[in-house]
Amino acid sequence: MVKAMKKVLVCAMAAALTLGSAASASAVQSPTTSVTPVTKSNVKASNGTTVNVNKNGTAAVKAVKATKKKSVTVSATVKVNGVTYKVTTVNAKAFAKATKATKITLPASIKTINKSAFTGAKKVKTIVLKGKKSITVKKGAFKGVNTKKVTIKVNKKMSKKEFKKLQKALKKAGFKGKVVKA
């Protein structure tokens, strides 16, 4: 009687282990899909923009999609391999492929414009900043652009303090054009 009970218990445990391992094996995700942010360079986003992405969920625009349009808009977020990243930086030569652009619009999420960011965008006349806060503009950000003919339009809800801070940052970066609230 005891031997029969042991055999039944062994069979029941074997069946439970087999079913349990089969259920957990089917729940494992594919190793090729990432749903968490990762750090990568020169990645094409779903909108055609080349970006550098970070583990903290931010992205830096490395190059906008080549276009002959007169207006270029950088989106606030980009999607790479199913993960959405917040665009916070514009890197060097980001607008080099937008040679015909006369208007460039940057989202409120932008915090930094790096050196030589507008190199190649020689026809730009208007840059629109949608944010309410001042941003960091590195020296030489407008290299190769005649900034005397450029107008930067900022959010009309930007405070006077932030507006002055932005003007000072732009002047340090070598910007000589007009900065207006619009």
N, C-alpha and C. Protein backbone atom coordinates (compact mmCIF):
# COMPACT_ATOMS: atom_id res chain seq x y z
N MET A 1 0.82 -1.19 0.00
CA MET A 1 0.00 0.00 0.00
C MET A 1 0.87 1.26 0.00
N VAL A 2 1.90 1.28 0.82
CA VAL A 2 2.79 2.43 0.91
C VAL A 2 3.54 2.62 -0.39
N LYS A 3 3.99 1.48 -1.02
CA LYS A 3 4.70 1.57 -2.30
C LYS A 3 3.79 2.15 -3.38
N ALA A 4 2.53 1.81 -3.38
CA ALA A 4 1.57 2.32 -4.37
C ALA A 4 1.37 3.82 -4.19
N MET A 5 1.28 4.25 -2.96
CA MET A 5 1.10 5.68 -2.66
C MET A 5 2.32 6.48 -3.12
N LYS A 6 3.52 5.92 -2.88
CA LYS A 6 4.75 6.59 -3.30
C LYS A 6 4.79 6.74 -4.81
N LYS A 7 4.39 5.68 -5.56
CA LYS A 7 4.40 5.74 -7.01
C LYS A 7 3.42 6.81 -7.53
N VAL A 8 2.26 6.89 -6.91
CA VAL A 8 1.26 7.89 -7.31
C VAL A 8 1.79 9.30 -7.06
N LEU A 9 2.41 9.51 -5.89
CA LEU A 9 2.97 10.82 -5.57
C LEU A 9 4.10 11.20 -6.53
N VAL A 10 4.97 10.25 -6.86
CA VAL A 10 6.08 10.52 -7.79
C VAL A 10 5.53 10.91 -9.15
N CYS A 11 4.53 10.19 -9.63
CA CYS A 11 3.91 10.50 -10.93
C CYS A 11 3.26 11.88 -10.91
N ALA A 12 2.57 12.21 -9.83
CA ALA A 12 1.90 13.51 -9.71
C ALA A 12 2.93 14.64 -9.71
N MET A 13 4.02 14.45 -8.97
CA MET A 13 5.07 15.48 -8.92
C MET A 13 5.75 15.64 -10.28
N ALA A 14 6.00 14.55 -10.98
CA ALA A 14 6.62 14.61 -12.30
C ALA A 14 5.72 15.36 -13.28
N ALA A 15 4.43 15.09 -13.21
CA ALA A 15 3.47 15.78 -14.09
C ALA A 15 3.43 17.27 -13.78
N ALA A 16 3.46 17.62 -12.50
CA ALA A 16 3.43 19.03 -12.10
C ALA A 16 4.68 19.76 -12.57
N LEU A 17 5.82 19.12 -12.42
CA LEU A 17 7.08 19.74 -12.88
C LEU A 17 7.10 19.92 -14.39
N THR A 18 6.63 18.92 -15.11
CA THR A 18 6.61 18.99 -16.57
C THR A 18 5.70 20.12 -17.04
N LEU A 19 4.51 20.20 -16.50
CA LEU A 19 3.56 21.25 -16.89
C LEU A 19 4.06 22.63 -16.45
N GLY A 20 4.64 22.72 -15.28
CA GLY A 20 5.14 24.00 -14.78
C GLY A 20 6.28 24.53 -15.62
N SER A 21 7.21 23.69 -16.03
CA SER A 21 8.34 24.15 -16.84
C SER A 21 7.90 24.50 -18.25
N ALA A 22 6.91 23.81 -18.79
CA ALA A 22 6.41 24.12 -20.13
C ALA A 22 5.70 25.47 -20.12
N ALA A 23 4.96 25.77 -19.06
CA ALA A 23 4.24 27.04 -18.97
C ALA A 23 5.21 28.19 -18.83
N SER A 24 6.26 28.02 -18.02
CA SER A 24 7.21 29.12 -17.83
C SER A 24 8.09 29.31 -19.06
N ALA A 25 8.37 28.26 -19.82
CA ALA A 25 9.18 28.38 -21.03
C ALA A 25 8.45 29.18 -22.10
N SER A 26 7.13 29.04 -22.17
CA SER A 26 6.38 29.78 -23.17
C SER A 26 6.24 31.25 -22.80
N ALA A 27 6.44 31.61 -21.55
CA ALA A 27 6.29 32.99 -21.11
C ALA A 27 7.57 33.81 -21.30
N VAL A 28 8.69 33.18 -21.60
CA VAL A 28 9.97 33.88 -21.78
C VAL A 28 9.90 34.70 -23.06
N GLN A 29 10.34 35.98 -22.98
CA GLN A 29 10.32 36.85 -24.14
C GLN A 29 11.51 36.60 -25.03
N SER A 30 11.36 36.98 -26.27
CA SER A 30 12.44 36.86 -27.24
C SER A 30 13.59 37.78 -26.83
N PRO A 31 14.82 37.31 -26.89
CA PRO A 31 15.94 38.14 -26.48
C PRO A 31 16.24 39.28 -27.45
N THR A 32 15.65 39.27 -28.65
CA THR A 32 15.92 40.32 -29.63
C THR A 32 15.07 41.56 -29.41
N THR A 33 13.98 41.46 -28.66
CA THR A 33 13.13 42.62 -28.43
C THR A 33 13.41 43.21 -27.07
N SER A 34 13.66 44.50 -27.05
CA SER A 34 13.94 45.18 -25.79
C SER A 34 12.82 46.15 -25.48
N VAL A 35 12.27 46.08 -24.30
CA VAL A 35 11.22 47.00 -23.90
C VAL A 35 11.73 48.00 -22.87
N THR A 36 13.01 47.88 -22.52
CA THR A 36 13.62 48.84 -21.61
C THR A 36 14.63 49.66 -22.39
N PRO A 37 14.81 50.92 -22.02
CA PRO A 37 15.78 51.77 -22.73
C PRO A 37 17.20 51.21 -22.65
N VAL A 38 17.95 51.37 -23.73
CA VAL A 38 19.34 50.93 -23.80
C VAL A 38 20.20 52.07 -24.34
N THR A 39 21.51 51.97 -24.18
CA THR A 39 22.42 52.98 -24.71
C THR A 39 22.96 52.50 -26.04
N LYS A 40 22.69 53.27 -27.11
CA LYS A 40 23.18 52.94 -28.45
C LYS A 40 23.47 54.23 -29.20
N SER A 41 24.41 54.16 -30.15
CA SER A 41 24.74 55.31 -30.99
C SER A 41 24.33 55.06 -32.43
N ASN A 42 24.06 56.14 -33.15
CA ASN A 42 23.72 56.09 -34.57
C ASN A 42 22.58 55.12 -34.89
N VAL A 43 21.48 55.27 -34.17
CA VAL A 43 20.32 54.40 -34.36
C VAL A 43 19.26 55.16 -35.15
N LYS A 44 18.65 54.49 -36.12
CA LYS A 44 17.55 55.11 -36.89
C LYS A 44 16.27 54.96 -36.11
N ALA A 45 15.62 56.09 -35.87
CA ALA A 45 14.32 56.07 -35.19
C ALA A 45 13.23 55.77 -36.22
N SER A 46 12.03 55.50 -35.75
CA SER A 46 10.92 55.16 -36.64
C SER A 46 10.56 56.30 -37.59
N ASN A 47 10.89 57.55 -37.23
CA ASN A 47 10.57 58.69 -38.09
C ASN A 47 11.71 59.04 -39.06
N GLY A 48 12.78 58.23 -39.10
CA GLY A 48 13.88 58.46 -40.04
C GLY A 48 15.03 59.27 -39.47
N THR A 49 14.88 59.80 -38.29
CA THR A 49 15.93 60.59 -37.65
C THR A 49 16.99 59.65 -37.07
N THR A 50 18.26 60.03 -37.22
CA THR A 50 19.34 59.25 -36.60
C THR A 50 19.59 59.84 -35.23
N VAL A 51 19.59 58.97 -34.21
CA VAL A 51 19.73 59.43 -32.82
C VAL A 51 20.72 58.58 -32.04
N ASN A 52 21.19 59.14 -30.94
CA ASN A 52 21.93 58.39 -29.93
C ASN A 52 20.96 58.26 -28.77
N VAL A 53 20.73 57.03 -28.27
CA VAL A 53 19.79 56.82 -27.18
C VAL A 53 20.52 56.39 -25.91
N ASN A 54 19.93 56.72 -24.76
CA ASN A 54 20.53 56.42 -23.47
C ASN A 54 19.61 55.55 -22.62
N LYS A 55 20.21 54.88 -21.63
CA LYS A 55 19.45 54.02 -20.72
C LYS A 55 18.43 54.80 -19.90
N ASN A 56 18.68 56.11 -19.71
CA ASN A 56 17.77 56.92 -18.90
C ASN A 56 16.52 57.36 -19.68
N GLY A 57 16.37 56.87 -20.92
CA GLY A 57 15.16 57.17 -21.69
C GLY A 57 15.23 58.45 -22.50
N THR A 58 16.44 59.01 -22.66
CA THR A 58 16.59 60.23 -23.45
C THR A 58 17.31 59.93 -24.76
N ALA A 59 17.16 60.86 -25.70
CA ALA A 59 17.79 60.70 -27.01
C ALA A 59 18.40 62.03 -27.44
N ALA A 60 19.47 61.93 -28.24
CA ALA A 60 20.12 63.10 -28.82
C ALA A 60 20.01 62.98 -30.34
N VAL A 61 19.50 64.02 -30.99
CA VAL A 61 19.36 64.02 -32.44
C VAL A 61 20.74 64.14 -33.05
N LYS A 62 21.11 63.15 -33.85
CA LYS A 62 22.42 63.17 -34.51
C LYS A 62 22.27 63.69 -35.94
N ALA A 63 21.18 63.33 -36.60
CA ALA A 63 20.93 63.81 -37.96
C ALA A 63 19.44 63.67 -38.28
N VAL A 64 18.85 64.76 -38.78
CA VAL A 64 17.45 64.68 -39.21
C VAL A 64 17.43 63.99 -40.58
N LYS A 65 16.29 63.44 -40.90
CA LYS A 65 16.10 62.75 -42.18
C LYS A 65 16.38 63.73 -43.33
N ALA A 66 17.10 63.28 -44.34
CA ALA A 66 17.40 64.13 -45.50
C ALA A 66 16.09 64.60 -46.12
N THR A 67 16.01 65.92 -46.32
CA THR A 67 14.77 66.49 -46.85
C THR A 67 15.07 67.75 -47.66
N LYS A 68 14.17 68.03 -48.58
CA LYS A 68 14.26 69.27 -49.36
C LYS A 68 13.16 70.24 -48.94
N LYS A 69 12.47 69.89 -47.86
CA LYS A 69 11.39 70.74 -47.36
C LYS A 69 11.95 72.04 -46.78
N LYS A 70 11.13 73.07 -46.78
CA LYS A 70 11.52 74.38 -46.25
C LYS A 70 11.40 74.42 -44.73
N SER A 71 10.62 73.49 -44.16
CA SER A 71 10.39 73.47 -42.72
C SER A 71 10.75 72.10 -42.14
N VAL A 72 11.55 72.11 -41.08
CA VAL A 72 11.95 70.86 -40.42
C VAL A 72 11.52 70.94 -38.95
N THR A 73 10.85 69.90 -38.47
CA THR A 73 10.42 69.85 -37.08
C THR A 73 11.03 68.63 -36.41
N VAL A 74 11.68 68.86 -35.28
CA VAL A 74 12.22 67.76 -34.48
C VAL A 74 11.12 67.33 -33.53
N SER A 75 10.81 66.04 -33.51
CA SER A 75 9.75 65.55 -32.64
C SER A 75 10.25 65.44 -31.19
N ALA A 76 9.33 65.56 -30.25
CA ALA A 76 9.67 65.53 -28.82
C ALA A 76 10.09 64.14 -28.37
N THR A 77 9.59 63.11 -29.06
CA THR A 77 9.96 61.74 -28.72
C THR A 77 10.30 60.97 -30.01
N VAL A 78 11.12 59.95 -29.86
CA VAL A 78 11.43 59.07 -30.97
C VAL A 78 11.25 57.63 -30.50
N LYS A 79 10.89 56.75 -31.42
CA LYS A 79 10.68 55.35 -31.07
C LYS A 79 11.76 54.51 -31.75
N VAL A 80 12.49 53.74 -30.94
CA VAL A 80 13.54 52.86 -31.44
C VAL A 80 13.29 51.46 -30.87
N ASN A 81 13.11 50.49 -31.74
CA ASN A 81 12.86 49.10 -31.34
C ASN A 81 11.73 48.98 -30.32
N GLY A 82 10.67 49.74 -30.50
CA GLY A 82 9.51 49.66 -29.62
C GLY A 82 9.63 50.46 -28.33
N VAL A 83 10.76 51.11 -28.11
CA VAL A 83 10.97 51.91 -26.90
C VAL A 83 10.89 53.38 -27.27
N THR A 84 10.13 54.17 -26.50
CA THR A 84 10.00 55.60 -26.75
C THR A 84 11.02 56.36 -25.91
N TYR A 85 11.77 57.24 -26.57
CA TYR A 85 12.79 58.06 -25.92
C TYR A 85 12.42 59.53 -26.03
N LYS A 86 12.72 60.32 -25.00
CA LYS A 86 12.46 61.75 -24.99
C LYS A 86 13.68 62.46 -25.59
N VAL A 87 13.47 63.28 -26.60
CA VAL A 87 14.56 64.00 -27.27
C VAL A 87 14.95 65.22 -26.42
N THR A 88 16.21 65.24 -25.95
CA THR A 88 16.66 66.33 -25.07
C THR A 88 17.85 67.11 -25.61
N THR A 89 18.51 66.58 -26.65
CA THR A 89 19.74 67.21 -27.15
C THR A 89 19.77 67.24 -28.66
N VAL A 90 20.39 68.29 -29.20
CA VAL A 90 20.66 68.38 -30.64
C VAL A 90 22.18 68.33 -30.78
N ASN A 91 22.69 67.31 -31.46
CA ASN A 91 24.13 67.12 -31.62
C ASN A 91 24.69 67.85 -32.83
N ALA A 92 26.00 67.81 -32.98
CA ALA A 92 26.71 68.45 -34.09
C ALA A 92 26.20 67.95 -35.44
N LYS A 93 26.05 68.88 -36.37
CA LYS A 93 25.63 68.61 -37.75
C LYS A 93 24.29 67.89 -37.84
N ALA A 94 23.42 68.12 -36.89
CA ALA A 94 22.10 67.47 -36.89
C ALA A 94 21.25 67.90 -38.09
N PHE A 95 21.48 69.12 -38.58
CA PHE A 95 20.66 69.63 -39.69
C PHE A 95 21.44 69.72 -41.00
N ALA A 96 22.55 68.99 -41.11
CA ALA A 96 23.38 69.02 -42.31
C ALA A 96 22.64 68.50 -43.55
N LYS A 97 21.67 67.60 -43.35
CA LYS A 97 20.92 67.03 -44.48
C LYS A 97 19.66 67.84 -44.80
N ALA A 98 19.44 68.92 -44.07
CA ALA A 98 18.28 69.78 -44.32
C ALA A 98 18.76 71.11 -44.90
N THR A 99 19.44 71.03 -46.03
CA THR A 99 20.09 72.21 -46.62
C THR A 99 19.12 73.26 -47.14
N LYS A 100 17.90 72.88 -47.47
CA LYS A 100 16.90 73.84 -48.00
C LYS A 100 16.00 74.42 -46.91
N ALA A 101 16.14 73.93 -45.68
CA ALA A 101 15.25 74.36 -44.59
C ALA A 101 15.46 75.83 -44.24
N THR A 102 14.35 76.55 -44.16
CA THR A 102 14.38 77.96 -43.74
C THR A 102 13.81 78.10 -42.33
N LYS A 103 13.08 77.08 -41.87
CA LYS A 103 12.48 77.11 -40.54
C LYS A 103 12.75 75.77 -39.84
N ILE A 104 13.29 75.86 -38.61
CA ILE A 104 13.55 74.66 -37.81
C ILE A 104 12.80 74.81 -36.50
N THR A 105 12.00 73.82 -36.15
CA THR A 105 11.22 73.85 -34.92
C THR A 105 11.75 72.79 -33.96
N LEU A 106 12.07 73.23 -32.74
CA LEU A 106 12.59 72.34 -31.70
C LEU A 106 11.55 72.19 -30.59
N PRO A 107 11.33 70.98 -30.09
CA PRO A 107 10.30 70.74 -29.07
C PRO A 107 10.69 71.29 -27.69
N ALA A 108 9.72 71.32 -26.79
CA ALA A 108 9.94 71.80 -25.43
C ALA A 108 10.89 70.90 -24.65
N SER A 109 11.04 69.66 -25.09
CA SER A 109 11.89 68.70 -24.37
C SER A 109 13.39 68.98 -24.56
N ILE A 110 13.75 69.80 -25.54
CA ILE A 110 15.17 70.09 -25.81
C ILE A 110 15.77 70.89 -24.65
N LYS A 111 16.90 70.40 -24.14
CA LYS A 111 17.60 71.07 -23.04
C LYS A 111 18.97 71.59 -23.47
N THR A 112 19.57 70.97 -24.51
CA THR A 112 20.92 71.33 -24.94
C THR A 112 21.04 71.35 -26.45
N ILE A 113 21.72 72.38 -26.96
CA ILE A 113 22.09 72.44 -28.37
C ILE A 113 23.62 72.45 -28.38
N ASN A 114 24.21 71.41 -28.97
CA ASN A 114 25.67 71.25 -28.95
C ASN A 114 26.38 72.04 -30.05
N LYS A 115 27.68 72.10 -29.95
CA LYS A 115 28.54 72.79 -30.90
C LYS A 115 28.28 72.29 -32.32
N SER A 116 28.23 73.21 -33.27
CA SER A 116 28.03 72.91 -34.71
C SER A 116 26.70 72.24 -35.03
N ALA A 117 25.70 72.40 -34.17
CA ALA A 117 24.40 71.75 -34.38
C ALA A 117 23.73 72.19 -35.68
N PHE A 118 23.87 73.46 -36.04
CA PHE A 118 23.18 73.98 -37.23
C PHE A 118 24.09 74.04 -38.46
N THR A 119 25.29 73.48 -38.38
CA THR A 119 26.20 73.45 -39.52
C THR A 119 25.53 72.71 -40.67
N GLY A 120 25.53 73.33 -41.85
CA GLY A 120 24.90 72.73 -43.02
C GLY A 120 23.54 73.32 -43.32
N ALA A 121 22.89 73.90 -42.33
CA ALA A 121 21.57 74.52 -42.53
C ALA A 121 21.78 76.00 -42.85
N LYS A 122 22.39 76.27 -43.97
CA LYS A 122 22.80 77.64 -44.32
C LYS A 122 21.64 78.56 -44.67
N LYS A 123 20.50 78.00 -45.07
CA LYS A 123 19.36 78.82 -45.48
C LYS A 123 18.38 79.10 -44.36
N VAL A 124 18.68 78.64 -43.15
CA VAL A 124 17.74 78.81 -42.03
C VAL A 124 17.55 80.29 -41.72
N LYS A 125 16.28 80.67 -41.56
CA LYS A 125 15.91 82.06 -41.23
C LYS A 125 15.21 82.14 -39.88
N THR A 126 14.52 81.05 -39.52
CA THR A 126 13.73 81.04 -38.28
C THR A 126 13.97 79.74 -37.52
N ILE A 127 14.23 79.89 -36.22
CA ILE A 127 14.33 78.73 -35.33
C ILE A 127 13.28 78.93 -34.25
N VAL A 128 12.40 77.95 -34.08
CA VAL A 128 11.32 78.04 -33.10
C VAL A 128 11.64 77.12 -31.93
N LEU A 129 11.67 77.69 -30.72
CA LEU A 129 11.88 76.93 -29.49
C LEU A 129 10.55 76.88 -28.75
N LYS A 130 9.98 75.68 -28.58
CA LYS A 130 8.66 75.56 -27.97
C LYS A 130 8.67 75.53 -26.44
N GLY A 131 9.84 75.37 -25.85
CA GLY A 131 9.94 75.27 -24.39
C GLY A 131 9.73 76.59 -23.67
N LYS A 132 9.36 76.48 -22.39
CA LYS A 132 9.15 77.67 -21.55
C LYS A 132 10.40 77.98 -20.73
N LYS A 133 11.38 77.07 -20.75
CA LYS A 133 12.60 77.25 -19.97
C LYS A 133 13.77 77.52 -20.91
N SER A 134 14.78 78.20 -20.38
CA SER A 134 16.00 78.46 -21.12
C SER A 134 16.73 77.14 -21.37
N ILE A 135 17.53 77.09 -22.41
CA ILE A 135 18.28 75.89 -22.73
C ILE A 135 19.77 76.21 -22.77
N THR A 136 20.59 75.17 -22.72
CA THR A 136 22.03 75.33 -22.84
C THR A 136 22.40 75.33 -24.31
N VAL A 137 23.12 76.35 -24.74
CA VAL A 137 23.56 76.45 -26.13
C VAL A 137 25.09 76.52 -26.10
N LYS A 138 25.73 75.50 -26.64
CA LYS A 138 27.20 75.44 -26.61
C LYS A 138 27.80 76.44 -27.60
N LYS A 139 28.98 76.92 -27.26
CA LYS A 139 29.69 77.87 -28.12
C LYS A 139 29.93 77.23 -29.49
N GLY A 140 29.64 77.97 -30.55
CA GLY A 140 29.84 77.46 -31.90
C GLY A 140 28.66 76.66 -32.44
N ALA A 141 27.52 76.69 -31.75
CA ALA A 141 26.34 75.94 -32.19
C ALA A 141 25.86 76.38 -33.57
N PHE A 142 26.12 77.64 -33.92
CA PHE A 142 25.62 78.20 -35.19
C PHE A 142 26.73 78.34 -36.23
N LYS A 143 27.80 77.57 -36.08
CA LYS A 143 28.95 77.62 -36.99
C LYS A 143 28.49 77.38 -38.43
N GLY A 144 28.88 78.29 -39.32
CA GLY A 144 28.52 78.16 -40.72
C GLY A 144 27.18 78.77 -41.08
N VAL A 145 26.52 79.40 -40.11
CA VAL A 145 25.21 80.03 -40.36
C VAL A 145 25.35 81.53 -40.12
N ASN A 146 24.82 82.34 -41.04
CA ASN A 146 24.84 83.78 -40.87
C ASN A 146 23.72 84.15 -39.89
N THR A 147 24.05 84.21 -38.61
CA THR A 147 23.03 84.40 -37.58
C THR A 147 22.44 85.81 -37.58
N LYS A 148 23.06 86.75 -38.24
CA LYS A 148 22.50 88.11 -38.31
C LYS A 148 21.14 88.11 -39.01
N LYS A 149 20.92 87.11 -39.88
CA LYS A 149 19.68 87.02 -40.64
C LYS A 149 18.70 86.01 -40.04
N VAL A 150 19.01 85.48 -38.86
CA VAL A 150 18.18 84.46 -38.24
C VAL A 150 17.38 85.05 -37.07
N THR A 151 16.13 84.62 -36.96
CA THR A 151 15.28 85.01 -35.84
C THR A 151 14.94 83.75 -35.04
N ILE A 152 15.13 83.84 -33.74
CA ILE A 152 14.73 82.73 -32.87
C ILE A 152 13.44 83.15 -32.18
N LYS A 153 12.39 82.34 -32.39
CA LYS A 153 11.10 82.60 -31.76
C LYS A 153 10.94 81.65 -30.58
N VAL A 154 10.64 82.21 -29.42
CA VAL A 154 10.47 81.39 -28.22
C VAL A 154 9.01 81.43 -27.77
N ASN A 155 8.65 80.50 -26.94
CA ASN A 155 7.29 80.40 -26.40
C ASN A 155 6.92 81.71 -25.70
N LYS A 156 5.75 82.25 -26.02
CA LYS A 156 5.34 83.53 -25.43
C LYS A 156 5.09 83.43 -23.93
N LYS A 157 4.97 82.19 -23.41
CA LYS A 157 4.75 82.00 -21.98
C LYS A 157 6.07 81.90 -21.19
N MET A 158 7.20 82.05 -21.87
CA MET A 158 8.50 82.01 -21.20
C MET A 158 8.64 83.24 -20.29
N SER A 159 9.08 83.02 -19.06
CA SER A 159 9.22 84.12 -18.11
C SER A 159 10.35 85.06 -18.55
N LYS A 160 10.31 86.30 -18.03
CA LYS A 160 11.35 87.28 -18.37
C LYS A 160 12.72 86.79 -17.95
N LYS A 161 12.79 86.17 -16.78
CA LYS A 161 14.05 85.66 -16.25
C LYS A 161 14.64 84.58 -17.19
N GLU A 162 13.80 83.65 -17.61
CA GLU A 162 14.24 82.58 -18.51
C GLU A 162 14.61 83.13 -19.89
N PHE A 163 13.85 84.14 -20.35
CA PHE A 163 14.11 84.78 -21.64
C PHE A 163 15.49 85.44 -21.64
N LYS A 164 15.79 86.17 -20.58
CA LYS A 164 17.10 86.83 -20.48
C LYS A 164 18.23 85.81 -20.39
N LYS A 165 17.99 84.74 -19.66
CA LYS A 165 18.97 83.67 -19.52
C LYS A 165 19.27 83.03 -20.89
N LEU A 166 18.21 82.83 -21.69
CA LEU A 166 18.36 82.27 -23.02
C LEU A 166 19.12 83.23 -23.93
N GLN A 167 18.76 84.51 -23.88
CA GLN A 167 19.47 85.50 -24.69
C GLN A 167 20.96 85.51 -24.38
N LYS A 168 21.30 85.42 -23.11
CA LYS A 168 22.70 85.41 -22.68
C LYS A 168 23.41 84.15 -23.21
N ALA A 169 22.74 83.01 -23.12
CA ALA A 169 23.31 81.75 -23.61
C ALA A 169 23.53 81.80 -25.12
N LEU A 170 22.57 82.38 -25.85
CA LEU A 170 22.69 82.49 -27.30
C LEU A 170 23.84 83.42 -27.69
N LYS A 171 23.97 84.52 -26.98
CA LYS A 171 25.04 85.47 -27.26
C LYS A 171 26.41 84.82 -27.04
N LYS A 172 26.53 84.05 -25.95
CA LYS A 172 27.78 83.33 -25.66
C LYS A 172 28.10 82.31 -26.77
N ALA A 173 27.06 81.74 -27.36
CA ALA A 173 27.22 80.73 -28.41
C ALA A 173 27.56 81.35 -29.75
N GLY A 174 27.53 82.68 -29.85
CA GLY A 174 27.87 83.35 -31.09
C GLY A 174 26.68 83.75 -31.94
N PHE A 175 25.48 83.75 -31.35
CA PHE A 175 24.27 84.12 -32.09
C PHE A 175 24.16 85.65 -32.11
N LYS A 176 23.93 86.22 -33.32
CA LYS A 176 23.86 87.68 -33.48
C LYS A 176 22.51 88.16 -34.00
N GLY A 177 21.55 87.28 -34.15
CA GLY A 177 20.25 87.63 -34.70
C GLY A 177 19.28 88.10 -33.64
N LYS A 178 17.98 88.09 -33.99
CA LYS A 178 16.93 88.54 -33.09
C LYS A 178 16.34 87.36 -32.32
N VAL A 179 15.97 87.63 -31.07
CA VAL A 179 15.26 86.64 -30.26
C VAL A 179 13.96 87.30 -29.85
N VAL A 180 12.84 86.70 -30.23
CA VAL A 180 11.53 87.29 -29.96
C VAL A 180 10.58 86.26 -29.35
N LYS A 181 9.61 86.76 -28.59
CA LYS A 181 8.55 85.88 -28.07
C LYS A 181 7.44 85.84 -29.12
N ALA A 182 6.95 84.65 -29.40
CA ALA A 182 5.89 84.54 -30.40
C ALA A 182 4.84 83.53 -29.96
